[in-house]
Amino acid sequence: MKPISSAARKGRKLPLVEFNYQPMRLSRFHAGCGKSVPPAFHSISRNYFQREARRDFVGELGLFVVITLTAAAPFFSTASALTELCRAIGQL
């Protein structure tokens, strides 16, 4: 739809619109289903773990261990401090 020029309006507030719309025809395309079968989920995951995951596993495991030890250090410190507090309270 294309608007008609503003000179043809003659004092109207809204522009006139040409309503002669014709959709484009797609004669080569049809809604038929393709006959390709998607791979099963287990075969996708198997291929991932065989090819891609092995390369990064060792590095990610090392990083996970470092993060876990860094997060666990305050817990050990807290356990030690609570043990000393219990001993101090028990002697009173």
PDB file of N, CA and C in Angstrom:
ATOM      1  N   MET A   1       0.848  -1.160   0.000  1.00  0.00           N
ATOM      2  CA  MET A   1       0.000   0.000   0.000  1.00  0.00           C
ATOM      3  C   MET A   1       0.897   1.228   0.000  1.00  0.00           C
ATOM      4  N   LYS A   2       0.634   2.094  -0.905  1.00  0.00           N
ATOM      5  CA  LYS A   2       1.438   3.310  -0.991  1.00  0.00           C
ATOM      6  C   LYS A   2       0.534   4.530  -0.893  1.00  0.00           C
ATOM      7  N   PRO A   3       0.978   5.528  -0.148  1.00  0.00           N
ATOM      8  CA  PRO A   3       0.148   6.724  -0.011  1.00  0.00           C
ATOM      9  C   PRO A   3       0.158   7.548  -1.293  1.00  0.00           C
ATOM     10  N   ILE A   4      -0.958   8.203  -1.559  1.00  0.00           N
ATOM     11  CA  ILE A   4      -1.057   9.101  -2.704  1.00  0.00           C
ATOM     12  C   ILE A   4      -0.405  10.422  -2.303  1.00  0.00           C
ATOM     13  N   SER A   5       0.108  11.134  -3.251  1.00  0.00           N
ATOM     14  CA  SER A   5       0.863  12.356  -2.953  1.00  0.00           C
ATOM     15  C   SER A   5       0.047  13.353  -2.131  1.00  0.00           C
ATOM     16  N   SER A   6       0.756  14.187  -1.395  1.00  0.00           N
ATOM     17  CA  SER A   6       0.096  15.143  -0.511  1.00  0.00           C
ATOM     18  C   SER A   6      -0.634  16.236  -1.301  1.00  0.00           C
ATOM     19  N   ALA A   7      -0.281  16.450  -2.552  1.00  0.00           N
ATOM     20  CA  ALA A   7      -0.963  17.462  -3.356  1.00  0.00           C
ATOM     21  C   ALA A   7      -2.380  17.025  -3.700  1.00  0.00           C
ATOM     22  N   ALA A   8      -2.634  15.733  -3.725  1.00  0.00           N
ATOM     23  CA  ALA A   8      -3.952  15.229  -4.088  1.00  0.00           C
ATOM     24  C   ALA A   8      -4.898  15.179  -2.894  1.00  0.00           C
ATOM     25  N   ARG A   9      -4.452  15.563  -1.726  1.00  0.00           N
ATOM     26  CA  ARG A   9      -5.284  15.475  -0.528  1.00  0.00           C
ATOM     27  C   ARG A   9      -6.423  16.482  -0.514  1.00  0.00           C
ATOM     28  N   LYS A  10      -6.143  17.688  -0.897  1.00  0.00           N
ATOM     29  CA  LYS A  10      -7.126  18.766  -0.951  1.00  0.00           C
ATOM     30  C   LYS A  10      -7.768  19.029   0.406  1.00  0.00           C
ATOM     31  N   GLY A  11      -6.945  19.250   1.426  1.00  0.00           N
ATOM     32  CA  GLY A  11      -7.434  19.642   2.732  1.00  0.00           C
ATOM     33  C   GLY A  11      -7.862  18.496   3.633  1.00  0.00           C
ATOM     34  N   ARG A  12      -7.712  17.285   3.238  1.00  0.00           N
ATOM     35  CA  ARG A  12      -8.067  16.163   4.108  1.00  0.00           C
ATOM     36  C   ARG A  12      -6.977  15.979   5.159  1.00  0.00           C
ATOM     37  N   LYS A  13      -7.361  15.447   6.288  1.00  0.00           N
ATOM     38  CA  LYS A  13      -6.397  15.262   7.362  1.00  0.00           C
ATOM     39  C   LYS A  13      -5.537  14.026   7.155  1.00  0.00           C
ATOM     40  N   LEU A  14      -6.107  12.942   6.690  1.00  0.00           N
ATOM     41  CA  LEU A  14      -5.353  11.714   6.483  1.00  0.00           C
ATOM     42  C   LEU A  14      -5.114  11.507   4.995  1.00  0.00           C
ATOM     43  N   PRO A  15      -3.960  10.967   4.628  1.00  0.00           N
ATOM     44  CA  PRO A  15      -3.700  10.734   3.202  1.00  0.00           C
ATOM     45  C   PRO A  15      -4.529   9.572   2.679  1.00  0.00           C
ATOM     46  N   LEU A  16      -4.886   9.635   1.414  1.00  0.00           N
ATOM     47  CA  LEU A  16      -5.584   8.529   0.775  1.00  0.00           C
ATOM     48  C   LEU A  16      -4.586   7.414   0.514  1.00  0.00           C
ATOM     49  N   VAL A  17      -5.057   6.213   0.601  1.00  0.00           N
ATOM     50  CA  VAL A  17      -4.191   5.054   0.419  1.00  0.00           C
ATOM     51  C   VAL A  17      -4.720   4.225  -0.727  1.00  0.00           C
ATOM     52  N   GLU A  18      -3.803   3.766  -1.562  1.00  0.00           N
ATOM     53  CA  GLU A  18      -4.189   2.918  -2.681  1.00  0.00           C
ATOM     54  C   GLU A  18      -4.332   1.485  -2.160  1.00  0.00           C
ATOM     55  N   PHE A  19      -5.516   0.889  -2.300  1.00  0.00           N
ATOM     56  CA  PHE A  19      -5.792  -0.420  -1.731  1.00  0.00           C
ATOM     57  C   PHE A  19      -5.648  -1.545  -2.742  1.00  0.00           C
ATOM     58  N   ASN A  20      -4.874  -1.388  -3.753  1.00  0.00           N
ATOM     59  CA  ASN A  20      -4.746  -2.389  -4.785  1.00  0.00           C
ATOM     60  C   ASN A  20      -3.511  -3.258  -4.509  1.00  0.00           C
ATOM     61  N   TYR A  21      -3.504  -3.927  -3.378  1.00  0.00           N
ATOM     62  CA  TYR A  21      -2.358  -4.744  -2.972  1.00  0.00           C
ATOM     63  C   TYR A  21      -2.485  -6.140  -3.555  1.00  0.00           C
ATOM     64  N   GLN A  22      -1.402  -6.637  -4.143  1.00  0.00           N
ATOM     65  CA  GLN A  22      -1.389  -7.991  -4.670  1.00  0.00           C
ATOM     66  C   GLN A  22      -0.167  -8.706  -4.101  1.00  0.00           C
ATOM     67  N   PRO A  23      -0.376  -9.806  -3.424  1.00  0.00           N
ATOM     68  CA  PRO A  23       0.758 -10.509  -2.809  1.00  0.00           C
ATOM     69  C   PRO A  23       1.635 -11.166  -3.866  1.00  0.00           C
ATOM     70  N   MET A  24       2.875 -11.347  -3.506  1.00  0.00           N
ATOM     71  CA  MET A  24       3.835 -11.983  -4.390  1.00  0.00           C
ATOM     72  C   MET A  24       3.586 -13.490  -4.403  1.00  0.00           C
ATOM     73  N   ARG A  25       3.655 -14.099  -5.536  1.00  0.00           N
ATOM     74  CA  ARG A  25       3.412 -15.531  -5.623  1.00  0.00           C
ATOM     75  C   ARG A  25       4.738 -16.287  -5.584  1.00  0.00           C
ATOM     76  N   LEU A  26       4.739 -17.340  -4.783  1.00  0.00           N
ATOM     77  CA  LEU A  26       5.926 -18.178  -4.656  1.00  0.00           C
ATOM     78  C   LEU A  26       5.622 -19.539  -5.271  1.00  0.00           C
ATOM     79  N   SER A  27       5.635 -19.607  -6.581  1.00  0.00           N
ATOM     80  CA  SER A  27       5.236 -20.835  -7.261  1.00  0.00           C
ATOM     81  C   SER A  27       6.265 -21.951  -7.082  1.00  0.00           C
ATOM     82  N   ARG A  28       7.530 -21.601  -6.868  1.00  0.00           N
ATOM     83  CA  ARG A  28       8.551 -22.633  -6.721  1.00  0.00           C
ATOM     84  C   ARG A  28       8.562 -23.248  -5.328  1.00  0.00           C
ATOM     85  N   PHE A  29       7.960 -22.594  -4.373  1.00  0.00           N
ATOM     86  CA  PHE A  29       8.001 -23.065  -2.997  1.00  0.00           C
ATOM     87  C   PHE A  29       6.683 -23.719  -2.624  1.00  0.00           C
ATOM     88  N   HIS A  30       6.794 -24.787  -1.848  1.00  0.00           N
ATOM     89  CA  HIS A  30       5.607 -25.458  -1.345  1.00  0.00           C
ATOM     90  C   HIS A  30       5.855 -25.857   0.101  1.00  0.00           C
ATOM     91  N   ALA A  31       4.803 -26.181   0.794  1.00  0.00           N
ATOM     92  CA  ALA A  31       4.905 -26.463   2.224  1.00  0.00           C
ATOM     93  C   ALA A  31       5.173 -27.931   2.503  1.00  0.00           C
ATOM     94  N   GLY A  32       5.791 -28.603   1.594  1.00  0.00           N
ATOM     95  CA  GLY A  32       6.092 -30.010   1.798  1.00  0.00           C
ATOM     96  C   GLY A  32       7.170 -30.198   2.844  1.00  0.00           C
ATOM     97  N   CYS A  33       7.120 -31.315   3.514  1.00  0.00           N
ATOM     98  CA  CYS A  33       8.070 -31.606   4.581  1.00  0.00           C
ATOM     99  C   CYS A  33       9.333 -32.209   3.985  1.00  0.00           C
ATOM    100  N   GLY A  34      10.468 -31.750   4.451  1.00  0.00           N
ATOM    101  CA  GLY A  34      11.719 -32.358   4.042  1.00  0.00           C
ATOM    102  C   GLY A  34      11.858 -33.716   4.696  1.00  0.00           C
ATOM    103  N   LYS A  35      12.512 -34.623   4.051  1.00  0.00           N
ATOM    104  CA  LYS A  35      12.579 -35.986   4.567  1.00  0.00           C
ATOM    105  C   LYS A  35      13.876 -36.253   5.318  1.00  0.00           C
ATOM    106  N   SER A  36      14.453 -35.225   5.899  1.00  0.00           N
ATOM    107  CA  SER A  36      15.655 -35.437   6.693  1.00  0.00           C
ATOM    108  C   SER A  36      15.259 -35.745   8.134  1.00  0.00           C
ATOM    109  N   VAL A  37      15.906 -36.725   8.713  1.00  0.00           N
ATOM    110  CA  VAL A  37      15.611 -37.135  10.076  1.00  0.00           C
ATOM    111  C   VAL A  37      16.652 -36.497  10.994  1.00  0.00           C
ATOM    112  N   PRO A  38      16.221 -35.743  11.995  1.00  0.00           N
ATOM    113  CA  PRO A  38      17.200 -35.140  12.893  1.00  0.00           C
ATOM    114  C   PRO A  38      17.873 -36.220  13.736  1.00  0.00           C
ATOM    115  N   PRO A  39      19.128 -36.007  14.092  1.00  0.00           N
ATOM    116  CA  PRO A  39      19.824 -37.018  14.901  1.00  0.00           C
ATOM    117  C   PRO A  39      19.214 -37.100  16.303  1.00  0.00           C
ATOM    118  N   ALA A  40      19.311 -38.267  16.875  1.00  0.00           N
ATOM    119  CA  ALA A  40      18.768 -38.478  18.215  1.00  0.00           C
ATOM    120  C   ALA A  40      19.617 -37.740  19.238  1.00  0.00           C
ATOM    121  N   PHE A  41      19.011 -37.419  20.378  1.00  0.00           N
ATOM    122  CA  PHE A  41      19.708 -36.650  21.402  1.00  0.00           C
ATOM    123  C   PHE A  41      20.933 -37.398  21.924  1.00  0.00           C
ATOM    124  N   HIS A  42      20.832 -38.698  22.117  1.00  0.00           N
ATOM    125  CA  HIS A  42      21.977 -39.446  22.649  1.00  0.00           C
ATOM    126  C   HIS A  42      23.138 -39.474  21.668  1.00  0.00           C
ATOM    127  N   SER A  43      22.863 -39.448  20.374  1.00  0.00           N
ATOM    128  CA  SER A  43      23.970 -39.422  19.416  1.00  0.00           C
ATOM    129  C   SER A  43      24.628 -38.047  19.374  1.00  0.00           C
ATOM    130  N   ILE A  44      23.840 -36.993  19.585  1.00  0.00           N
ATOM    131  CA  ILE A  44      24.427 -35.644  19.652  1.00  0.00           C
ATOM    132  C   ILE A  44      25.341 -35.544  20.858  1.00  0.00           C
ATOM    133  N   SER A  45      24.868 -36.006  22.023  1.00  0.00           N
ATOM    134  CA  SER A  45      25.688 -35.915  23.224  1.00  0.00           C
ATOM    135  C   SER A  45      26.903 -36.838  23.126  1.00  0.00           C
ATOM    136  N   ARG A  46      26.748 -37.999  22.516  1.00  0.00           N
ATOM    137  CA  ARG A  46      27.888 -38.901  22.362  1.00  0.00           C
ATOM    138  C   ARG A  46      28.965 -38.264  21.494  1.00  0.00           C
ATOM    139  N   ASN A  47      28.553 -37.648  20.392  1.00  0.00           N
ATOM    140  CA  ASN A  47      29.527 -36.976  19.530  1.00  0.00           C
ATOM    141  C   ASN A  47      30.208 -35.827  20.257  1.00  0.00           C
ATOM    142  N   TYR A  48      29.450 -35.088  21.068  1.00  0.00           N
ATOM    143  CA  TYR A  48      30.044 -33.979  21.812  1.00  0.00           C
ATOM    144  C   TYR A  48      31.098 -34.478  22.790  1.00  0.00           C
ATOM    145  N   PHE A  49      30.768 -35.515  23.548  1.00  0.00           N
ATOM    146  CA  PHE A  49      31.715 -35.998  24.545  1.00  0.00           C
ATOM    147  C   PHE A  49      32.905 -36.702  23.911  1.00  0.00           C
ATOM    148  N   GLN A  50      32.752 -37.271  22.737  1.00  0.00           N
ATOM    149  CA  GLN A  50      33.876 -37.924  22.081  1.00  0.00           C
ATOM    150  C   GLN A  50      34.829 -36.927  21.449  1.00  0.00           C
ATOM    151  N   ARG A  51      34.314 -35.848  20.899  1.00  0.00           N
ATOM    152  CA  ARG A  51      35.158 -34.928  20.133  1.00  0.00           C
ATOM    153  C   ARG A  51      35.544 -33.673  20.894  1.00  0.00           C
ATOM    154  N   GLU A  52      34.559 -32.950  21.387  1.00  0.00           N
ATOM    155  CA  GLU A  52      34.827 -31.622  21.921  1.00  0.00           C
ATOM    156  C   GLU A  52      35.133 -31.611  23.407  1.00  0.00           C
ATOM    157  N   ALA A  53      34.430 -32.385  24.186  1.00  0.00           N
ATOM    158  CA  ALA A  53      34.529 -32.289  25.639  1.00  0.00           C
ATOM    159  C   ALA A  53      35.875 -32.772  26.159  1.00  0.00           C
ATOM    160  N   ARG A  54      36.482 -33.716  25.528  1.00  0.00           N
ATOM    161  CA  ARG A  54      37.750 -34.250  26.022  1.00  0.00           C
ATOM    162  C   ARG A  54      38.863 -33.215  26.009  1.00  0.00           C
ATOM    163  N   ARG A  55      38.833 -32.317  25.041  1.00  0.00           N
ATOM    164  CA  ARG A  55      39.885 -31.307  24.957  1.00  0.00           C
ATOM    165  C   ARG A  55      39.865 -30.359  26.140  1.00  0.00           C
ATOM    166  N   ASP A  56      38.687 -29.987  26.566  1.00  0.00           N
ATOM    167  CA  ASP A  56      38.561 -28.973  27.594  1.00  0.00           C
ATOM    168  C   ASP A  56      38.392 -29.546  28.992  1.00  0.00           C
ATOM    169  N   PHE A  57      38.221 -30.849  29.106  1.00  0.00           N
ATOM    170  CA  PHE A  57      37.879 -31.434  30.395  1.00  0.00           C
ATOM    171  C   PHE A  57      38.974 -31.239  31.435  1.00  0.00           C
ATOM    172  N   VAL A  58      40.228 -31.471  31.073  1.00  0.00           N
ATOM    173  CA  VAL A  58      41.325 -31.381  32.039  1.00  0.00           C
ATOM    174  C   VAL A  58      41.480 -29.949  32.547  1.00  0.00           C
ATOM    175  N   GLY A  59      41.417 -28.979  31.657  1.00  0.00           N
ATOM    176  CA  GLY A  59      41.527 -27.582  32.080  1.00  0.00           C
ATOM    177  C   GLY A  59      40.369 -27.152  32.959  1.00  0.00           C
ATOM    178  N   GLU A  60      39.170 -27.562  32.608  1.00  0.00           N
ATOM    179  CA  GLU A  60      38.006 -27.212  33.422  1.00  0.00           C
ATOM    180  C   GLU A  60      38.034 -27.913  34.764  1.00  0.00           C
ATOM    181  N   LEU A  61      38.534 -29.147  34.807  1.00  0.00           N
ATOM    182  CA  LEU A  61      38.655 -29.862  36.071  1.00  0.00           C
ATOM    183  C   LEU A  61      39.638 -29.150  36.995  1.00  0.00           C
ATOM    184  N   GLY A  62      40.762 -28.709  36.455  1.00  0.00           N
ATOM    185  CA  GLY A  62      41.735 -27.968  37.263  1.00  0.00           C
ATOM    186  C   GLY A  62      41.152 -26.673  37.802  1.00  0.00           C
ATOM    187  N   LEU A  63      40.455 -25.961  36.971  1.00  0.00           N
ATOM    188  CA  LEU A  63      39.827 -24.710  37.411  1.00  0.00           C
ATOM    189  C   LEU A  63      38.758 -24.977  38.469  1.00  0.00           C
ATOM    190  N   PHE A  64      37.993 -26.052  38.320  1.00  0.00           N
ATOM    191  CA  PHE A  64      36.977 -26.413  39.308  1.00  0.00           C
ATOM    192  C   PHE A  64      37.617 -26.740  40.652  1.00  0.00           C
ATOM    193  N   VAL A  65      38.730 -27.460  40.648  1.00  0.00           N
ATOM    194  CA  VAL A  65      39.424 -27.803  41.890  1.00  0.00           C
ATOM    195  C   VAL A  65      39.945 -26.549  42.575  1.00  0.00           C
ATOM    196  N   VAL A  66      40.514 -25.640  41.813  1.00  0.00           N
ATOM    197  CA  VAL A  66      41.024 -24.389  42.390  1.00  0.00           C
ATOM    198  C   VAL A  66      39.884 -23.581  43.016  1.00  0.00           C
ATOM    199  N   ILE A  67      38.781 -23.455  42.322  1.00  0.00           N
ATOM    200  CA  ILE A  67      37.640 -22.694  42.849  1.00  0.00           C
ATOM    201  C   ILE A  67      37.075 -23.367  44.094  1.00  0.00           C
ATOM    202  N   THR A  68      36.983 -24.701  44.076  1.00  0.00           N
ATOM    203  CA  THR A  68      36.447 -25.432  45.227  1.00  0.00           C
ATOM    204  C   THR A  68      37.339 -25.264  46.442  1.00  0.00           C
ATOM    205  N   LEU A  69      38.645 -25.370  46.257  1.00  0.00           N
ATOM    206  CA  LEU A  69      39.565 -25.193  47.386  1.00  0.00           C
ATOM    207  C   LEU A  69      39.532 -23.762  47.905  1.00  0.00           C
ATOM    208  N   THR A  70      39.415 -22.802  47.015  1.00  0.00           N
ATOM    209  CA  THR A  70      39.326 -21.404  47.436  1.00  0.00           C
ATOM    210  C   THR A  70      38.054 -21.161  48.233  1.00  0.00           C
ATOM    211  N   ALA A  71      36.954 -21.772  47.829  1.00  0.00           N
ATOM    212  CA  ALA A  71      35.697 -21.609  48.553  1.00  0.00           C
ATOM    213  C   ALA A  71      35.688 -22.410  49.846  1.00  0.00           C
ATOM    214  N   ALA A  72      36.422 -23.524  49.916  1.00  0.00           N
ATOM    215  CA  ALA A  72      36.416 -24.376  51.104  1.00  0.00           C
ATOM    216  C   ALA A  72      37.318 -23.829  52.210  1.00  0.00           C
ATOM    217  N   ALA A  73      38.316 -23.044  51.880  1.00  0.00           N
ATOM    218  CA  ALA A  73      39.257 -22.528  52.880  1.00  0.00           C
ATOM    219  C   ALA A  73      38.552 -21.753  53.993  1.00  0.00           C
ATOM    220  N   PRO A  74      37.619 -20.851  53.719  1.00  0.00           N
ATOM    221  CA  PRO A  74      36.926 -20.166  54.822  1.00  0.00           C
ATOM    222  C   PRO A  74      36.110 -21.106  55.711  1.00  0.00           C
ATOM    223  N   PHE A  75      35.576 -22.175  55.152  1.00  0.00           N
ATOM    224  CA  PHE A  75      34.824 -23.130  55.961  1.00  0.00           C
ATOM    225  C   PHE A  75      35.735 -23.843  56.963  1.00  0.00           C
ATOM    226  N   PHE A  76      36.940 -24.225  56.529  1.00  0.00           N
ATOM    227  CA  PHE A  76      37.888 -24.853  57.444  1.00  0.00           C
ATOM    228  C   PHE A  76      38.320 -23.884  58.535  1.00  0.00           C
ATOM    229  N   SER A  77      38.527 -22.638  58.143  1.00  0.00           N
ATOM    230  CA  SER A  77      38.890 -21.620  59.124  1.00  0.00           C
ATOM    231  C   SER A  77      37.763 -21.400  60.134  1.00  0.00           C
ATOM    232  N   THR A  78      36.530 -21.374  59.667  1.00  0.00           N
ATOM    233  CA  THR A  78      35.381 -21.205  60.552  1.00  0.00           C
ATOM    234  C   THR A  78      35.239 -22.395  61.489  1.00  0.00           C
ATOM    235  N   ALA A  79      35.432 -23.601  60.986  1.00  0.00           N
ATOM    236  CA  ALA A  79      35.351 -24.802  61.826  1.00  0.00           C
ATOM    237  C   ALA A  79      36.427 -24.768  62.906  1.00  0.00           C
ATOM    238  N   SER A  80      37.621 -24.347  62.553  1.00  0.00           N
ATOM    239  CA  SER A  80      38.696 -24.243  63.539  1.00  0.00           C
ATOM    240  C   SER A  80      38.364 -23.207  64.606  1.00  0.00           C
ATOM    241  N   ALA A  81      37.835 -22.060  64.191  1.00  0.00           N
ATOM    242  CA  ALA A  81      37.488 -21.017  65.153  1.00  0.00           C
ATOM    243  C   ALA A  81      36.351 -21.466  66.067  1.00  0.00           C
ATOM    244  N   LEU A  82      35.366 -22.182  65.542  1.00  0.00           N
ATOM    245  CA  LEU A  82      34.278 -22.681  66.378  1.00  0.00           C
ATOM    246  C   LEU A  82      34.761 -23.731  67.361  1.00  0.00           C
ATOM    247  N   THR A  83      35.696 -24.547  66.940  1.00  0.00           N
ATOM    248  CA  THR A  83      36.276 -25.541  67.847  1.00  0.00           C
ATOM    249  C   THR A  83      36.989 -24.857  69.005  1.00  0.00           C
ATOM    250  N   GLU A  84      37.772 -23.843  68.713  1.00  0.00           N
ATOM    251  CA  GLU A  84      38.473 -23.108  69.772  1.00  0.00           C
ATOM    252  C   GLU A  84      37.465 -22.411  70.674  1.00  0.00           C
ATOM    253  N   LEU A  85      36.366 -21.880  70.134  1.00  0.00           N
ATOM    254  CA  LEU A  85      35.341 -21.221  70.951  1.00  0.00           C
ATOM    255  C   LEU A  85      34.691 -22.237  71.894  1.00  0.00           C
ATOM    256  N   CYS A  86      34.360 -23.426  71.385  1.00  0.00           N
ATOM    257  CA  CYS A  86      33.754 -24.459  72.222  1.00  0.00           C
ATOM    258  C   CYS A  86      34.702 -24.878  73.344  1.00  0.00           C
ATOM    259  N   ARG A  87      35.982 -24.987  73.051  1.00  0.00           N
ATOM    260  CA  ARG A  87      36.956 -25.337  74.087  1.00  0.00           C
ATOM    261  C   ARG A  87      37.033 -24.243  75.146  1.00  0.00           C
ATOM    262  N   ALA A  88      37.014 -22.984  74.698  1.00  0.00           N
ATOM    263  CA  ALA A  88      37.112 -21.872  75.658  1.00  0.00           C
ATOM    264  C   ALA A  88      35.865 -21.804  76.536  1.00  0.00           C
ATOM    265  N   ILE A  89      34.698 -22.042  75.955  1.00  0.00           N
ATOM    266  CA  ILE A  89      33.464 -22.001  76.722  1.00  0.00           C
ATOM    267  C   ILE A  89      33.380 -23.198  77.666  1.00  0.00           C
ATOM    268  N   GLY A  90      33.874 -24.345  77.232  1.00  0.00           N
ATOM    269  CA  GLY A  90      33.836 -25.553  78.043  1.00  0.00           C
ATOM    270  C   GLY A  90      34.718 -25.463  79.268  1.00  0.00           C
ATOM    271  N   GLN A  91      35.764 -24.685  79.236  1.00  0.00           N
ATOM    272  CA  GLN A  91      36.652 -24.540  80.381  1.00  0.00           C
ATOM    273  C   GLN A  91      36.106 -23.583  81.416  1.00  0.00           C
ATOM    274  N   LEU A  92      35.139 -22.776  81.081  1.00  0.00           N
ATOM    275  CA  LEU A  92      34.596 -21.822  82.052  1.00  0.00           C
ATOM    276  C   LEU A  92      33.773 -22.479  83.061  1.00  0.00           C
TER     277      LEU A  92
END
